[in-house]
Amino acid sequence: MTNPAKQPQASDQYVQSLARGLAVIRAFDTDHPLMTLTEVAARTGLTRATARRFLHTLVELGYVRTDGKTFGLTAQVLQLGYAYLSGLSLPQLAQPHLEELSLKLGESTSAAVLDGADIAYIARVTTRRIMNVGITVGTRFPAYATSMGRVLLASLPPAKLQEYLAAAEIRPLTPRGVGTKQELLGVLDTVRAQGWCLLDQELEMGLMSVAAPVYDGPSKVVAAVNVSLQAQAVAAQPDPDAYLDSVRQEIVETAKLISADLSAKH
């Protein structure tokens, strides 16, 4: 870890003691959840005496706990992050998670919300263009013909879903697409039961996607996230079903992470 005592002062507004205190907090991580005074001093580059003062100050403030020999962070440090999260919008919260997932899978990822009969993209990470129509933030598609749209429709209260069905024109966009409202209802029942949606070339031939819901609180679905896939690339996998299952697990986990950040805002 960089020695905070050796960091240059950016200006006369720089508060070295604050920087050192934050360095002590950052010294704790997954590999170092508990440390002795000597270990904290070594990881921060501070003297033992200085590290001791900061640690005991943090103990008094409730950010650090100690058994007299070792030190560890308390849950109160989360409040430092909540202040940051509370100022972020849903797209801002989702973007870093989508970027991480896109990097991991090498595929495009997106987030969308339901807007009338359509979905509207609110965040997007593109690795390659796999649709005839370019997708950017603000792009809209019929909700019934998209994986994210089906996740969002499946979460609607029965009365709202009936309103949607009464107003929507359901027709197949590809030879594989659903063509009736009854077919769509059956698909939504499945999506609702399993908690995710796989769309197989129903929006455009050659395009597959897997989506999962984003929650604000325990039961309110406010958005959906997905991974876009090339059907040909999926078919070329040694075990396409296993590959799709791994993608499903990743998108569900990403949705959970975004949901957790969103809930932390409150």
C-alpha atoms as a PDB file:
ATOM      1  CA  MET A   1       0.000   0.000   0.000  1.00  0.00           C
ATOM      2  CA  THR A   2       1.204   3.509  -0.743  1.00  0.00           C
ATOM      3  CA  ASN A   3       2.621   5.266   2.287  1.00  0.00           C
ATOM      4  CA  PRO A   4       0.163   8.114   2.973  1.00  0.00           C
ATOM      5  CA  ALA A   5       2.871  10.053   4.725  1.00  0.00           C
ATOM      6  CA  LYS A   6       4.798  10.277   1.444  1.00  0.00           C
ATOM      7  CA  GLN A   7       1.881  11.396  -0.713  1.00  0.00           C
ATOM      8  CA  PRO A   8       2.417  14.939  -2.019  1.00  0.00           C
ATOM      9  CA  GLN A   9       0.107  17.617  -0.784  1.00  0.00           C
ATOM     10  CA  ALA A  10      -2.045  18.652  -3.728  1.00  0.00           C
ATOM     11  CA  SER A  11      -2.666  22.088  -2.251  1.00  0.00           C
ATOM     12  CA  ASP A  12      -2.747  24.007   0.981  1.00  0.00           C
ATOM     13  CA  GLN A  13      -6.273  22.608   1.407  1.00  0.00           C
ATOM     14  CA  TYR A  14      -4.918  19.066   1.814  1.00  0.00           C
ATOM     15  CA  VAL A  15      -5.668  17.558   5.263  1.00  0.00           C
ATOM     16  CA  GLN A  16      -3.016  14.949   5.923  1.00  0.00           C
ATOM     17  CA  SER A  17      -4.659  13.540   9.045  1.00  0.00           C
ATOM     18  CA  LEU A  18      -7.872  12.836   7.126  1.00  0.00           C
ATOM     19  CA  ALA A  19      -5.896  11.127   4.370  1.00  0.00           C
ATOM     20  CA  ARG A  20      -4.128   8.964   6.933  1.00  0.00           C
ATOM     21  CA  GLY A  21      -7.376   8.041   8.664  1.00  0.00           C
ATOM     22  CA  LEU A  22      -8.894   6.936   5.355  1.00  0.00           C
ATOM     23  CA  ALA A  23      -5.725   4.966   4.584  1.00  0.00           C
ATOM     24  CA  VAL A  24      -6.210   3.049   7.834  1.00  0.00           C
ATOM     25  CA  ILE A  25      -9.793   2.179   6.853  1.00  0.00           C
ATOM     26  CA  ARG A  26      -8.711   1.094   3.357  1.00  0.00           C
ATOM     27  CA  ALA A  27      -6.005  -1.144   4.835  1.00  0.00           C
ATOM     28  CA  PHE A  28      -8.704  -3.662   5.787  1.00  0.00           C
ATOM     29  CA  ASP A  29      -9.948  -5.904   2.990  1.00  0.00           C
ATOM     30  CA  THR A  30     -11.065  -9.464   2.277  1.00  0.00           C
ATOM     31  CA  ASP A  31      -7.572 -10.825   2.841  1.00  0.00           C
ATOM     32  CA  HIS A  32      -7.004  -8.680   5.925  1.00  0.00           C
ATOM     33  CA  PRO A  33     -10.314  -8.458   7.845  1.00  0.00           C
ATOM     34  CA  LEU A  34      -8.515  -8.482  11.198  1.00  0.00           C
ATOM     35  CA  MET A  35      -5.074  -6.998  11.860  1.00  0.00           C
ATOM     36  CA  THR A  36      -2.782  -6.192  14.725  1.00  0.00           C
ATOM     37  CA  LEU A  37      -1.450  -2.693  15.284  1.00  0.00           C
ATOM     38  CA  THR A  38       1.862  -3.722  13.735  1.00  0.00           C
ATOM     39  CA  GLU A  39       0.145  -5.063  10.611  1.00  0.00           C
ATOM     40  CA  VAL A  40      -1.916  -1.895  10.158  1.00  0.00           C
ATOM     41  CA  ALA A  41       1.208   0.224  10.509  1.00  0.00           C
ATOM     42  CA  ALA A  42       3.024  -1.894   7.922  1.00  0.00           C
ATOM     43  CA  ARG A  43       0.164  -1.775   5.372  1.00  0.00           C
ATOM     44  CA  THR A  44      -0.314   1.982   5.692  1.00  0.00           C
ATOM     45  CA  GLY A  45       3.329   3.012   6.056  1.00  0.00           C
ATOM     46  CA  LEU A  46       2.515   4.802   9.303  1.00  0.00           C
ATOM     47  CA  THR A  47       4.500   4.537  12.502  1.00  0.00           C
ATOM     48  CA  ARG A  48       3.037   2.317  15.216  1.00  0.00           C
ATOM     49  CA  ALA A  49       2.312   5.350  17.369  1.00  0.00           C
ATOM     50  CA  THR A  50       0.458   7.144  14.563  1.00  0.00           C
ATOM     51  CA  ALA A  51      -1.443   4.019  13.534  1.00  0.00           C
ATOM     52  CA  ARG A  52      -2.446   3.477  17.181  1.00  0.00           C
ATOM     53  CA  ARG A  53      -3.921   6.991  17.440  1.00  0.00           C
ATOM     54  CA  PHE A  54      -5.955   6.592  14.261  1.00  0.00           C
ATOM     55  CA  LEU A  55      -7.175   3.109  15.171  1.00  0.00           C
ATOM     56  CA  HIS A  56      -8.349   4.145  18.621  1.00  0.00           C
ATOM     57  CA  THR A  57     -10.008   7.254  17.204  1.00  0.00           C
ATOM     58  CA  LEU A  58     -11.887   5.036  14.745  1.00  0.00           C
ATOM     59  CA  VAL A  59     -12.820   2.704  17.601  1.00  0.00           C
ATOM     60  CA  GLU A  60     -14.245   5.658  19.545  1.00  0.00           C
ATOM     61  CA  LEU A  61     -16.228   6.737  16.468  1.00  0.00           C
ATOM     62  CA  GLY A  62     -17.589   3.223  15.959  1.00  0.00           C
ATOM     63  CA  TYR A  63     -15.930   2.464  12.636  1.00  0.00           C
ATOM     64  CA  VAL A  64     -13.435  -0.044  14.057  1.00  0.00           C
ATOM     65  CA  ARG A  65     -13.756  -2.723  16.737  1.00  0.00           C
ATOM     66  CA  THR A  66     -10.976  -4.311  18.789  1.00  0.00           C
ATOM     67  CA  ASP A  67     -10.519  -7.177  21.203  1.00  0.00           C
ATOM     68  CA  GLY A  68      -7.416  -5.546  22.632  1.00  0.00           C
ATOM     69  CA  LYS A  69      -5.064  -7.332  20.256  1.00  0.00           C
ATOM     70  CA  THR A  70      -6.561  -7.206  16.767  1.00  0.00           C
ATOM     71  CA  PHE A  71      -8.656  -4.602  14.956  1.00  0.00           C
ATOM     72  CA  GLY A  72     -11.439  -4.929  12.367  1.00  0.00           C
ATOM     73  CA  LEU A  73     -13.996  -2.720  10.635  1.00  0.00           C
ATOM     74  CA  THR A  74     -17.590  -2.491  11.808  1.00  0.00           C
ATOM     75  CA  ALA A  75     -20.712  -2.246   9.685  1.00  0.00           C
ATOM     76  CA  GLN A  76     -20.773   1.493  10.399  1.00  0.00           C
ATOM     77  CA  VAL A  77     -18.178   2.070   7.648  1.00  0.00           C
ATOM     78  CA  LEU A  78     -20.961   1.282   5.173  1.00  0.00           C
ATOM     79  CA  GLN A  79     -22.447   4.661   5.997  1.00  0.00           C
ATOM     80  CA  LEU A  80     -19.486   6.252   4.211  1.00  0.00           C
ATOM     81  CA  GLY A  81     -20.567   4.518   1.027  1.00  0.00           C
ATOM     82  CA  TYR A  82     -24.282   5.183   1.503  1.00  0.00           C
ATOM     83  CA  ALA A  83     -23.702   8.915   1.230  1.00  0.00           C
ATOM     84  CA  TYR A  84     -22.159   8.331  -2.207  1.00  0.00           C
ATOM     85  CA  LEU A  85     -24.821   5.871  -3.334  1.00  0.00           C
ATOM     86  CA  SER A  86     -27.659   8.156  -2.267  1.00  0.00           C
ATOM     87  CA  GLY A  87     -26.578  10.723  -4.848  1.00  0.00           C
ATOM     88  CA  LEU A  88     -26.505   8.305  -7.773  1.00  0.00           C
ATOM     89  CA  SER A  89     -29.304   7.573 -10.237  1.00  0.00           C
ATOM     90  CA  LEU A  90     -30.289   4.058 -11.311  1.00  0.00           C
ATOM     91  CA  PRO A  91     -28.282   4.241 -14.571  1.00  0.00           C
ATOM     92  CA  GLN A  92     -25.211   5.432 -12.661  1.00  0.00           C
ATOM     93  CA  LEU A  93     -25.587   2.606 -10.171  1.00  0.00           C
ATOM     94  CA  ALA A  94     -26.050   0.006 -12.897  1.00  0.00           C
ATOM     95  CA  GLN A  95     -23.267   1.120 -15.249  1.00  0.00           C
ATOM     96  CA  PRO A  96     -20.209  -0.172 -13.338  1.00  0.00           C
ATOM     97  CA  HIS A  97     -21.880  -3.532 -12.733  1.00  0.00           C
ATOM     98  CA  LEU A  98     -22.775  -3.817 -16.418  1.00  0.00           C
ATOM     99  CA  GLU A  99     -19.216  -2.908 -17.373  1.00  0.00           C
ATOM    100  CA  GLU A 100     -17.815  -5.577 -15.071  1.00  0.00           C
ATOM    101  CA  LEU A 101     -20.194  -8.213 -16.435  1.00  0.00           C
ATOM    102  CA  SER A 102     -19.466  -7.237 -20.033  1.00  0.00           C
ATOM    103  CA  LEU A 103     -15.745  -7.526 -19.388  1.00  0.00           C
ATOM    104  CA  LYS A 104     -16.201 -10.921 -17.747  1.00  0.00           C
ATOM    105  CA  LEU A 105     -18.380 -12.415 -20.489  1.00  0.00           C
ATOM    106  CA  GLY A 106     -17.090 -10.478 -23.484  1.00  0.00           C
ATOM    107  CA  GLU A 107     -20.682  -9.619 -24.415  1.00  0.00           C
ATOM    108  CA  SER A 108     -22.867  -6.505 -24.523  1.00  0.00           C
ATOM    109  CA  THR A 109     -24.937  -5.726 -21.441  1.00  0.00           C
ATOM    110  CA  SER A 110     -27.857  -3.361 -20.877  1.00  0.00           C
ATOM    111  CA  ALA A 111     -30.389  -2.022 -18.416  1.00  0.00           C
ATOM    112  CA  ALA A 112     -33.911  -0.884 -19.281  1.00  0.00           C
ATOM    113  CA  VAL A 113     -37.159   0.277 -17.711  1.00  0.00           C
ATOM    114  CA  LEU A 114     -40.748  -0.173 -18.801  1.00  0.00           C
ATOM    115  CA  ASP A 115     -42.186   2.927 -20.496  1.00  0.00           C
ATOM    116  CA  GLY A 116     -45.721   2.405 -21.705  1.00  0.00           C
ATOM    117  CA  ALA A 117     -45.793  -0.505 -24.144  1.00  0.00           C
ATOM    118  CA  ASP A 118     -42.025  -0.353 -24.700  1.00  0.00           C
ATOM    119  CA  ILE A 119     -38.788  -0.789 -22.857  1.00  0.00           C
ATOM    120  CA  ALA A 120     -36.385   2.151 -22.850  1.00  0.00           C
ATOM    121  CA  TYR A 121     -32.654   1.575 -22.466  1.00  0.00           C
ATOM    122  CA  ILE A 122     -31.140   3.511 -19.568  1.00  0.00           C
ATOM    123  CA  ALA A 123     -27.609   2.030 -19.578  1.00  0.00           C
ATOM    124  CA  ARG A 124     -25.575   0.107 -22.136  1.00  0.00           C
ATOM    125  CA  VAL A 125     -22.127  -1.455 -22.536  1.00  0.00           C
ATOM    126  CA  THR A 126     -21.382  -2.540 -26.105  1.00  0.00           C
ATOM    127  CA  THR A 127     -18.716  -5.002 -27.184  1.00  0.00           C
ATOM    128  CA  ARG A 128     -19.877  -5.473 -30.777  1.00  0.00           C
ATOM    129  CA  ARG A 129     -22.893  -4.676 -32.909  1.00  0.00           C
ATOM    130  CA  ILE A 130     -25.044  -7.788 -33.190  1.00  0.00           C
ATOM    131  CA  MET A 131     -28.338  -6.206 -34.257  1.00  0.00           C
ATOM    132  CA  ASN A 132     -29.297  -4.499 -37.483  1.00  0.00           C
ATOM    133  CA  VAL A 133     -30.471  -1.573 -35.366  1.00  0.00           C
ATOM    134  CA  GLY A 134     -27.867   0.126 -33.188  1.00  0.00           C
ATOM    135  CA  ILE A 135     -28.774   0.227 -29.499  1.00  0.00           C
ATOM    136  CA  THR A 136     -27.942   3.244 -27.344  1.00  0.00           C
ATOM    137  CA  VAL A 137     -29.356   4.822 -24.195  1.00  0.00           C
ATOM    138  CA  GLY A 138     -32.902   5.863 -25.098  1.00  0.00           C
ATOM    139  CA  THR A 139     -33.485   3.104 -27.666  1.00  0.00           C
ATOM    140  CA  ARG A 140     -36.954   1.582 -27.435  1.00  0.00           C
ATOM    141  CA  PHE A 141     -38.349  -1.837 -28.343  1.00  0.00           C
ATOM    142  CA  PRO A 142     -41.761  -3.470 -27.824  1.00  0.00           C
ATOM    143  CA  ALA A 143     -41.684  -4.907 -24.323  1.00  0.00           C
ATOM    144  CA  TYR A 144     -43.307  -8.235 -25.241  1.00  0.00           C
ATOM    145  CA  ALA A 145     -40.554  -9.073 -27.749  1.00  0.00           C
ATOM    146  CA  THR A 146     -37.539  -8.491 -25.478  1.00  0.00           C
ATOM    147  CA  SER A 147     -36.052 -10.396 -22.551  1.00  0.00           C
ATOM    148  CA  MET A 148     -35.950  -7.306 -20.338  1.00  0.00           C
ATOM    149  CA  GLY A 149     -39.476  -6.377 -21.339  1.00  0.00           C
ATOM    150  CA  ARG A 150     -40.790  -9.795 -20.401  1.00  0.00           C
ATOM    151  CA  VAL A 151     -39.078  -9.608 -17.018  1.00  0.00           C
ATOM    152  CA  LEU A 152     -40.710  -6.236 -16.420  1.00  0.00           C
ATOM    153  CA  LEU A 153     -44.130  -7.327 -17.685  1.00  0.00           C
ATOM    154  CA  ALA A 154     -44.005 -10.440 -15.509  1.00  0.00           C
ATOM    155  CA  SER A 155     -43.545  -8.221 -12.456  1.00  0.00           C
ATOM    156  CA  LEU A 156     -46.623  -6.085 -13.107  1.00  0.00           C
ATOM    157  CA  PRO A 157     -49.685  -6.417 -10.864  1.00  0.00           C
ATOM    158  CA  PRO A 158     -52.471  -8.360 -12.644  1.00  0.00           C
ATOM    159  CA  ALA A 159     -54.553  -5.242 -13.303  1.00  0.00           C
ATOM    160  CA  LYS A 160     -51.593  -3.371 -14.844  1.00  0.00           C
ATOM    161  CA  LEU A 161     -50.708  -6.371 -16.988  1.00  0.00           C
ATOM    162  CA  GLN A 162     -54.270  -6.542 -18.278  1.00  0.00           C
ATOM    163  CA  GLU A 163     -54.109  -2.847 -19.156  1.00  0.00           C
ATOM    164  CA  TYR A 164     -50.924  -3.495 -21.101  1.00  0.00           C
ATOM    165  CA  LEU A 165     -52.419  -6.456 -22.958  1.00  0.00           C
ATOM    166  CA  ALA A 166     -55.553  -4.484 -23.815  1.00  0.00           C
ATOM    167  CA  ALA A 167     -53.501  -1.748 -25.457  1.00  0.00           C
ATOM    168  CA  ALA A 168     -50.586  -3.718 -26.947  1.00  0.00           C
ATOM    169  CA  GLU A 169     -50.435  -5.169 -30.429  1.00  0.00           C
ATOM    170  CA  ILE A 170     -48.868  -8.604 -30.102  1.00  0.00           C
ATOM    171  CA  ARG A 171     -47.449  -9.955 -33.335  1.00  0.00           C
ATOM    172  CA  PRO A 172     -44.375 -12.082 -34.111  1.00  0.00           C
ATOM    173  CA  LEU A 173     -41.358 -10.031 -35.167  1.00  0.00           C
ATOM    174  CA  THR A 174     -39.505 -13.163 -36.344  1.00  0.00           C
ATOM    175  CA  PRO A 175     -40.634 -16.691 -37.237  1.00  0.00           C
ATOM    176  CA  ARG A 176     -39.799 -17.678 -33.661  1.00  0.00           C
ATOM    177  CA  GLY A 177     -41.789 -14.909 -31.960  1.00  0.00           C
ATOM    178  CA  VAL A 178     -45.005 -15.161 -29.952  1.00  0.00           C
ATOM    179  CA  GLY A 179     -48.059 -14.146 -31.940  1.00  0.00           C
ATOM    180  CA  THR A 180     -50.930 -14.003 -29.470  1.00  0.00           C
ATOM    181  CA  LYS A 181     -51.653 -12.520 -26.072  1.00  0.00           C
ATOM    182  CA  GLN A 182     -52.395 -15.995 -24.727  1.00  0.00           C
ATOM    183  CA  GLU A 183     -48.960 -17.199 -25.810  1.00  0.00           C
ATOM    184  CA  LEU A 184     -47.376 -14.198 -24.152  1.00  0.00           C
ATOM    185  CA  LEU A 185     -49.223 -14.839 -20.894  1.00  0.00           C
ATOM    186  CA  GLY A 186     -47.856 -18.376 -20.833  1.00  0.00           C
ATOM    187  CA  VAL A 187     -44.329 -17.097 -21.374  1.00  0.00           C
ATOM    188  CA  LEU A 188     -44.734 -14.483 -18.637  1.00  0.00           C
ATOM    189  CA  ASP A 189     -45.937 -17.161 -16.213  1.00  0.00           C
ATOM    190  CA  THR A 190     -42.685 -19.028 -16.812  1.00  0.00           C
ATOM    191  CA  VAL A 191     -40.572 -15.897 -16.436  1.00  0.00           C
ATOM    192  CA  ARG A 192     -42.358 -14.986 -13.225  1.00  0.00           C
ATOM    193  CA  ALA A 193     -41.855 -18.462 -11.762  1.00  0.00           C
ATOM    194  CA  GLN A 194     -38.152 -18.751 -12.594  1.00  0.00           C
ATOM    195  CA  GLY A 195     -37.137 -15.128 -12.001  1.00  0.00           C
ATOM    196  CA  TRP A 196     -35.315 -14.600 -15.310  1.00  0.00           C
ATOM    197  CA  CYS A 197     -35.948 -14.703 -19.052  1.00  0.00           C
ATOM    198  CA  LEU A 198     -34.192 -16.264 -22.026  1.00  0.00           C
ATOM    199  CA  LEU A 199     -35.161 -14.795 -25.392  1.00  0.00           C
ATOM    200  CA  ASP A 200     -34.193 -16.909 -28.392  1.00  0.00           C
ATOM    201  CA  GLN A 201     -34.252 -14.953 -31.667  1.00  0.00           C
ATOM    202  CA  GLU A 202     -37.692 -13.407 -31.172  1.00  0.00           C
ATOM    203  CA  LEU A 203     -36.660  -9.776 -31.559  1.00  0.00           C
ATOM    204  CA  GLU A 204     -34.228 -10.403 -34.404  1.00  0.00           C
ATOM    205  CA  MET A 205     -32.956 -13.632 -35.960  1.00  0.00           C
ATOM    206  CA  GLY A 206     -29.485 -14.507 -34.726  1.00  0.00           C
ATOM    207  CA  LEU A 207     -29.931 -12.573 -31.453  1.00  0.00           C
ATOM    208  CA  MET A 208     -30.415 -14.170 -28.034  1.00  0.00           C
ATOM    209  CA  SER A 209     -30.512 -12.489 -24.644  1.00  0.00           C
ATOM    210  CA  VAL A 210     -30.856 -13.365 -20.979  1.00  0.00           C
ATOM    211  CA  ALA A 211     -32.433 -10.903 -18.522  1.00  0.00           C
ATOM    212  CA  ALA A 212     -33.121 -10.585 -14.807  1.00  0.00           C
ATOM    213  CA  PRO A 213     -35.064  -8.084 -12.677  1.00  0.00           C
ATOM    214  CA  VAL A 214     -33.634  -5.252 -10.595  1.00  0.00           C
ATOM    215  CA  TYR A 215     -35.447  -4.606  -7.325  1.00  0.00           C
ATOM    216  CA  ASP A 216     -35.819  -1.487  -5.225  1.00  0.00           C
ATOM    217  CA  GLY A 217     -36.648  -3.084  -1.903  1.00  0.00           C
ATOM    218  CA  PRO A 218     -37.868  -6.639  -1.321  1.00  0.00           C
ATOM    219  CA  SER A 219     -40.519  -6.849  -4.030  1.00  0.00           C
ATOM    220  CA  LYS A 220     -40.651  -3.758  -6.265  1.00  0.00           C
ATOM    221  CA  VAL A 221     -39.128  -4.392  -9.708  1.00  0.00           C
ATOM    222  CA  VAL A 222     -37.936  -1.087 -11.195  1.00  0.00           C
ATOM    223  CA  ALA A 223     -35.699  -2.193 -14.061  1.00  0.00           C
ATOM    224  CA  ALA A 224     -34.179  -5.166 -15.824  1.00  0.00           C
ATOM    225  CA  VAL A 225     -30.671  -6.009 -17.006  1.00  0.00           C
ATOM    226  CA  ASN A 226     -29.594  -8.336 -19.769  1.00  0.00           C
ATOM    227  CA  VAL A 227     -26.740  -9.887 -21.703  1.00  0.00           C
ATOM    228  CA  SER A 228     -26.978 -10.015 -25.505  1.00  0.00           C
ATOM    229  CA  LEU A 229     -25.654 -13.109 -27.272  1.00  0.00           C
ATOM    230  CA  GLN A 230     -25.107 -14.275 -30.833  1.00  0.00           C
ATOM    231  CA  ALA A 231     -27.137 -17.431 -31.433  1.00  0.00           C
ATOM    232  CA  GLN A 232     -24.429 -18.809 -33.690  1.00  0.00           C
ATOM    233  CA  ALA A 233     -21.772 -18.314 -31.012  1.00  0.00           C
ATOM    234  CA  VAL A 234     -23.961 -19.996 -28.403  1.00  0.00           C
ATOM    235  CA  ALA A 235     -24.556 -22.968 -30.695  1.00  0.00           C
ATOM    236  CA  ALA A 236     -20.797 -23.295 -31.206  1.00  0.00           C
ATOM    237  CA  GLN A 237     -20.200 -23.816 -27.481  1.00  0.00           C
ATOM    238  CA  PRO A 238     -19.227 -27.377 -26.442  1.00  0.00           C
ATOM    239  CA  ASP A 239     -22.342 -27.442 -24.239  1.00  0.00           C
ATOM    240  CA  PRO A 240     -24.740 -24.621 -25.223  1.00  0.00           C
ATOM    241  CA  ASP A 241     -27.167 -25.340 -22.379  1.00  0.00           C
ATOM    242  CA  ALA A 242     -24.415 -25.225 -19.765  1.00  0.00           C
ATOM    243  CA  TYR A 243     -23.084 -22.008 -21.269  1.00  0.00           C
ATOM    244  CA  LEU A 244     -26.508 -20.359 -21.184  1.00  0.00           C
ATOM    245  CA  ASP A 245     -26.932 -21.473 -17.591  1.00  0.00           C
ATOM    246  CA  SER A 246     -23.624 -19.843 -16.663  1.00  0.00           C
ATOM    247  CA  VAL A 247     -24.724 -16.619 -18.363  1.00  0.00           C
ATOM    248  CA  ARG A 248     -28.031 -16.800 -16.508  1.00  0.00           C
ATOM    249  CA  GLN A 249     -26.229 -17.105 -13.182  1.00  0.00           C
ATOM    250  CA  GLU A 250     -24.033 -14.113 -13.998  1.00  0.00           C
ATOM    251  CA  ILE A 251     -26.899 -11.822 -15.025  1.00  0.00           C
ATOM    252  CA  VAL A 252     -28.979 -12.820 -11.995  1.00  0.00           C
ATOM    253  CA  GLU A 253     -26.035 -12.064  -9.714  1.00  0.00           C
ATOM    254  CA  THR A 254     -25.436  -8.714 -11.437  1.00  0.00           C
ATOM    255  CA  ALA A 255     -29.100  -7.801 -10.980  1.00  0.00           C
ATOM    256  CA  LYS A 256     -28.788  -8.638  -7.278  1.00  0.00           C
ATOM    257  CA  LEU A 257     -25.730  -6.394  -6.910  1.00  0.00           C
ATOM    258  CA  ILE A 258     -27.512  -3.468  -8.571  1.00  0.00           C
ATOM    259  CA  SER A 259     -30.581  -4.105  -6.416  1.00  0.00           C
ATOM    260  CA  ALA A 260     -28.425  -4.040  -3.282  1.00  0.00           C
ATOM    261  CA  ASP A 261     -26.873  -0.708  -4.289  1.00  0.00           C
ATOM    262  CA  LEU A 262     -30.304   0.711  -5.066  1.00  0.00           C
ATOM    263  CA  SER A 263     -31.719  -0.405  -1.711  1.00  0.00           C
ATOM    264  CA  ALA A 264     -28.694   1.107   0.045  1.00  0.00           C
ATOM    265  CA  LYS A 265     -29.738   4.554  -1.203  1.00  0.00           C
ATOM    266  CA  HIS A 266     -32.677   4.582   1.192  1.00  0.00           C
END
